[in-house]
Amino acid sequence: MKQTNEFWVGTYHGRHDGAQATVTATCDDTRPEPYAWACTCGASRSFPTQDGMDRTAWRHTHPTLWDQLRQRAARLLRTRSTR
C-alpha cells in the first residue's frame, strides 16, 4: 500500500463567474510540484514552491474587477460561438 503525504494547507471561499466557489490548497511532497490548489469549478494549478499558491487561490475566489470583466467577455464569446 502506497502512503500518501498530502497535507491540507488552506481553504478559500468566494465567488467567480457568478457562482459560489471553494478552493482547497494542498501540499503533497511526492509530486514534482508539491503545492497545488483545486476549485469546485474544476480549475486547478500546481506550483514548485508555496510562493504564488495562496495569492492565485485567493484571486481565483476573489477576482479583481479586471478578472471579472475578462470572465464576462469569455462567457459572451462562448455563447456566441455555440449559436
N, C-alpha and C. Protein backbone atom coordinates (compact mmCIF):
# COMPACT_ATOMS: atom_id res chain seq x y z
N MET A 1 0.84 -1.18 0.00
CA MET A 1 0.00 0.00 0.00
C MET A 1 0.88 1.25 0.00
N LYS A 2 0.61 2.15 -0.93
CA LYS A 2 1.41 3.36 -1.06
C LYS A 2 0.91 4.42 -0.07
N GLN A 3 1.82 4.98 0.68
CA GLN A 3 1.47 6.02 1.64
C GLN A 3 1.47 7.38 0.94
N THR A 4 0.42 8.12 1.14
CA THR A 4 0.37 9.47 0.57
C THR A 4 0.80 10.48 1.61
N ASN A 5 1.41 11.51 1.14
CA ASN A 5 1.91 12.56 2.02
C ASN A 5 1.24 13.89 1.68
N GLU A 6 -0.07 13.87 1.52
CA GLU A 6 -0.79 15.09 1.18
C GLU A 6 -1.29 15.75 2.45
N PHE A 7 -1.04 17.03 2.56
CA PHE A 7 -1.44 17.80 3.72
C PHE A 7 -2.32 18.97 3.29
N TRP A 8 -3.36 19.21 4.05
CA TRP A 8 -4.22 20.35 3.80
C TRP A 8 -3.47 21.61 4.18
N VAL A 9 -3.50 22.61 3.31
CA VAL A 9 -2.80 23.86 3.55
C VAL A 9 -3.79 24.99 3.83
N GLY A 10 -4.90 25.02 3.12
CA GLY A 10 -5.87 26.09 3.32
C GLY A 10 -7.10 25.94 2.44
N THR A 11 -8.15 26.65 2.82
CA THR A 11 -9.38 26.68 2.04
C THR A 11 -9.78 28.12 1.83
N TYR A 12 -10.20 28.45 0.64
CA TYR A 12 -10.60 29.81 0.28
C TYR A 12 -12.04 29.75 -0.23
N HIS A 13 -12.90 30.58 0.32
CA HIS A 13 -14.30 30.64 -0.10
C HIS A 13 -14.54 31.99 -0.76
N GLY A 14 -15.26 31.97 -1.86
CA GLY A 14 -15.57 33.21 -2.55
C GLY A 14 -16.50 32.94 -3.71
N ARG A 15 -16.41 33.79 -4.72
CA ARG A 15 -17.27 33.68 -5.90
C ARG A 15 -16.45 33.95 -7.15
N HIS A 16 -16.87 33.35 -8.23
CA HIS A 16 -16.37 33.72 -9.54
C HIS A 16 -17.34 33.20 -10.58
N ASP A 17 -17.37 33.84 -11.72
CA ASP A 17 -18.33 33.52 -12.78
C ASP A 17 -19.76 33.50 -12.25
N GLY A 18 -20.04 34.33 -11.24
CA GLY A 18 -21.38 34.44 -10.70
C GLY A 18 -21.82 33.30 -9.80
N ALA A 19 -20.91 32.43 -9.41
CA ALA A 19 -21.28 31.28 -8.58
C ALA A 19 -20.36 31.17 -7.37
N GLN A 20 -20.84 30.51 -6.33
CA GLN A 20 -20.01 30.24 -5.15
C GLN A 20 -18.84 29.34 -5.57
N ALA A 21 -17.70 29.56 -4.96
CA ALA A 21 -16.52 28.75 -5.27
C ALA A 21 -15.75 28.47 -3.99
N THR A 22 -15.17 27.29 -3.91
CA THR A 22 -14.32 26.91 -2.80
C THR A 22 -13.04 26.31 -3.36
N VAL A 23 -11.92 26.86 -2.95
CA VAL A 23 -10.62 26.36 -3.38
C VAL A 23 -9.94 25.70 -2.19
N THR A 24 -9.43 24.50 -2.41
CA THR A 24 -8.68 23.79 -1.38
C THR A 24 -7.23 23.70 -1.81
N ALA A 25 -6.34 24.20 -0.98
CA ALA A 25 -4.91 24.17 -1.27
C ALA A 25 -4.28 23.01 -0.50
N THR A 26 -3.37 22.28 -1.16
CA THR A 26 -2.72 21.13 -0.54
C THR A 26 -1.23 21.13 -0.82
N CYS A 27 -0.52 20.34 -0.06
CA CYS A 27 0.90 20.11 -0.27
C CYS A 27 1.13 18.61 -0.26
N ASP A 28 1.71 18.08 -1.32
CA ASP A 28 1.98 16.65 -1.43
C ASP A 28 3.44 16.50 -1.86
N ASP A 29 4.31 16.10 -0.93
CA ASP A 29 5.74 16.08 -1.22
C ASP A 29 6.16 14.92 -2.13
N THR A 30 5.22 14.13 -2.63
CA THR A 30 5.57 13.06 -3.57
C THR A 30 5.43 13.51 -5.03
N ARG A 31 4.89 14.71 -5.26
CA ARG A 31 4.70 15.23 -6.62
C ARG A 31 5.87 16.13 -7.02
N PRO A 32 6.14 16.26 -8.31
CA PRO A 32 7.20 17.17 -8.77
C PRO A 32 6.91 18.62 -8.38
N GLU A 33 5.64 19.04 -8.46
CA GLU A 33 5.22 20.36 -8.00
C GLU A 33 4.30 20.13 -6.81
N PRO A 34 4.85 20.12 -5.61
CA PRO A 34 4.10 19.67 -4.44
C PRO A 34 2.96 20.57 -3.97
N TYR A 35 2.97 21.85 -4.30
CA TYR A 35 1.93 22.75 -3.84
C TYR A 35 0.88 22.91 -4.93
N ALA A 36 -0.38 22.77 -4.55
CA ALA A 36 -1.46 22.84 -5.54
C ALA A 36 -2.74 23.32 -4.90
N TRP A 37 -3.64 23.82 -5.77
CA TRP A 37 -4.99 24.12 -5.32
C TRP A 37 -5.95 23.62 -6.37
N ALA A 38 -7.16 23.30 -5.92
CA ALA A 38 -8.22 22.84 -6.82
C ALA A 38 -9.51 23.52 -6.40
N CYS A 39 -10.28 23.94 -7.38
CA CYS A 39 -11.54 24.65 -7.13
C CYS A 39 -12.73 23.74 -7.41
N THR A 40 -13.84 24.04 -6.78
CA THR A 40 -15.06 23.28 -7.02
C THR A 40 -15.56 23.46 -8.45
N CYS A 41 -15.07 24.47 -9.17
CA CYS A 41 -15.46 24.68 -10.57
C CYS A 41 -14.68 23.77 -11.52
N GLY A 42 -13.66 23.09 -11.00
CA GLY A 42 -12.85 22.20 -11.82
C GLY A 42 -11.47 22.75 -12.16
N ALA A 43 -11.25 24.02 -11.91
CA ALA A 43 -9.93 24.62 -12.19
C ALA A 43 -8.93 24.17 -11.13
N SER A 44 -7.66 24.08 -11.54
CA SER A 44 -6.60 23.74 -10.59
C SER A 44 -5.27 24.26 -11.11
N ARG A 45 -4.32 24.40 -10.19
CA ARG A 45 -2.96 24.82 -10.53
C ARG A 45 -2.00 24.17 -9.57
N SER A 46 -0.78 23.94 -10.01
CA SER A 46 0.25 23.41 -9.12
C SER A 46 1.50 24.28 -9.22
N PHE A 47 2.31 24.23 -8.17
CA PHE A 47 3.47 25.12 -8.04
C PHE A 47 4.64 24.35 -7.44
N PRO A 48 5.88 24.69 -7.83
CA PRO A 48 7.05 24.04 -7.25
C PRO A 48 7.33 24.51 -5.82
N THR A 49 6.91 25.74 -5.48
CA THR A 49 7.09 26.28 -4.13
C THR A 49 5.76 26.88 -3.68
N GLN A 50 5.68 27.24 -2.42
CA GLN A 50 4.44 27.82 -1.91
C GLN A 50 4.22 29.25 -2.43
N ASP A 51 5.29 29.88 -2.92
CA ASP A 51 5.19 31.24 -3.45
C ASP A 51 4.17 31.27 -4.59
N GLY A 52 3.22 32.13 -4.49
CA GLY A 52 2.22 32.29 -5.54
C GLY A 52 0.97 31.44 -5.35
N MET A 53 1.07 30.36 -4.60
CA MET A 53 -0.09 29.49 -4.44
C MET A 53 -1.23 30.20 -3.73
N ASP A 54 -0.96 30.79 -2.58
CA ASP A 54 -2.01 31.46 -1.82
C ASP A 54 -2.60 32.64 -2.60
N ARG A 55 -1.74 33.40 -3.24
CA ARG A 55 -2.19 34.58 -3.99
C ARG A 55 -3.13 34.19 -5.13
N THR A 56 -2.77 33.15 -5.89
CA THR A 56 -3.62 32.76 -7.01
C THR A 56 -4.90 32.08 -6.55
N ALA A 57 -4.84 31.31 -5.46
CA ALA A 57 -6.04 30.68 -4.92
C ALA A 57 -7.01 31.75 -4.43
N TRP A 58 -6.49 32.75 -3.73
CA TRP A 58 -7.34 33.85 -3.25
C TRP A 58 -7.94 34.61 -4.43
N ARG A 59 -7.12 34.91 -5.42
CA ARG A 59 -7.60 35.70 -6.56
C ARG A 59 -8.62 34.91 -7.38
N HIS A 60 -8.50 33.59 -7.39
CA HIS A 60 -9.47 32.77 -8.11
C HIS A 60 -10.86 32.90 -7.48
N THR A 61 -10.92 32.99 -6.17
CA THR A 61 -12.21 33.08 -5.48
C THR A 61 -12.62 34.52 -5.20
N HIS A 62 -11.70 35.46 -5.35
CA HIS A 62 -11.99 36.89 -5.15
C HIS A 62 -11.42 37.66 -6.35
N PRO A 63 -12.00 37.47 -7.53
CA PRO A 63 -11.44 38.09 -8.73
C PRO A 63 -11.49 39.62 -8.68
N THR A 64 -10.46 40.23 -9.23
CA THR A 64 -10.42 41.69 -9.34
C THR A 64 -11.46 42.13 -10.37
N LEU A 65 -11.71 43.41 -10.44
CA LEU A 65 -12.65 43.93 -11.44
C LEU A 65 -12.20 43.54 -12.85
N TRP A 66 -10.91 43.63 -13.11
CA TRP A 66 -10.36 43.26 -14.42
C TRP A 66 -10.63 41.77 -14.70
N ASP A 67 -10.41 40.90 -13.70
CA ASP A 67 -10.69 39.47 -13.86
C ASP A 67 -12.17 39.24 -14.17
N GLN A 68 -13.05 39.96 -13.46
CA GLN A 68 -14.48 39.81 -13.68
C GLN A 68 -14.87 40.21 -15.10
N LEU A 69 -14.28 41.29 -15.61
CA LEU A 69 -14.56 41.72 -16.98
C LEU A 69 -14.07 40.69 -17.99
N ARG A 70 -12.89 40.12 -17.75
CA ARG A 70 -12.37 39.07 -18.65
C ARG A 70 -13.27 37.84 -18.64
N GLN A 71 -13.74 37.44 -17.46
CA GLN A 71 -14.63 36.28 -17.35
C GLN A 71 -15.93 36.54 -18.08
N ARG A 72 -16.48 37.73 -17.93
CA ARG A 72 -17.73 38.08 -18.61
C ARG A 72 -17.54 38.06 -20.13
N ALA A 73 -16.43 38.61 -20.61
CA ALA A 73 -16.16 38.61 -22.05
C ALA A 73 -16.00 37.18 -22.56
N ALA A 74 -15.33 36.33 -21.81
CA ALA A 74 -15.14 34.93 -22.23
C ALA A 74 -16.49 34.22 -22.31
N ARG A 75 -17.38 34.47 -21.35
CA ARG A 75 -18.72 33.86 -21.38
C ARG A 75 -19.50 34.32 -22.61
N LEU A 76 -19.41 35.62 -22.93
CA LEU A 76 -20.11 36.15 -24.10
C LEU A 76 -19.59 35.52 -25.39
N LEU A 77 -18.28 35.37 -25.49
CA LEU A 77 -17.69 34.76 -26.68
C LEU A 77 -18.10 33.29 -26.81
N ARG A 78 -18.14 32.57 -25.69
CA ARG A 78 -18.58 31.16 -25.72
C ARG A 78 -20.03 31.07 -26.18
N THR A 79 -20.87 31.98 -25.69
CA THR A 79 -22.29 31.96 -26.04
C THR A 79 -22.48 32.23 -27.52
N ARG A 80 -21.74 33.17 -28.06
CA ARG A 80 -21.84 33.50 -29.49
C ARG A 80 -21.35 32.36 -30.37
N SER A 81 -20.30 31.67 -29.96
CA SER A 81 -19.74 30.61 -30.79
C SER A 81 -20.59 29.35 -30.78
N THR A 82 -21.48 29.17 -29.79
CA THR A 82 -22.31 27.99 -29.74
C THR A 82 -23.64 28.19 -30.45
N ARG A 83 -23.93 29.36 -30.93
CA ARG A 83 -25.18 29.62 -31.63
C ARG A 83 -25.12 29.20 -33.06
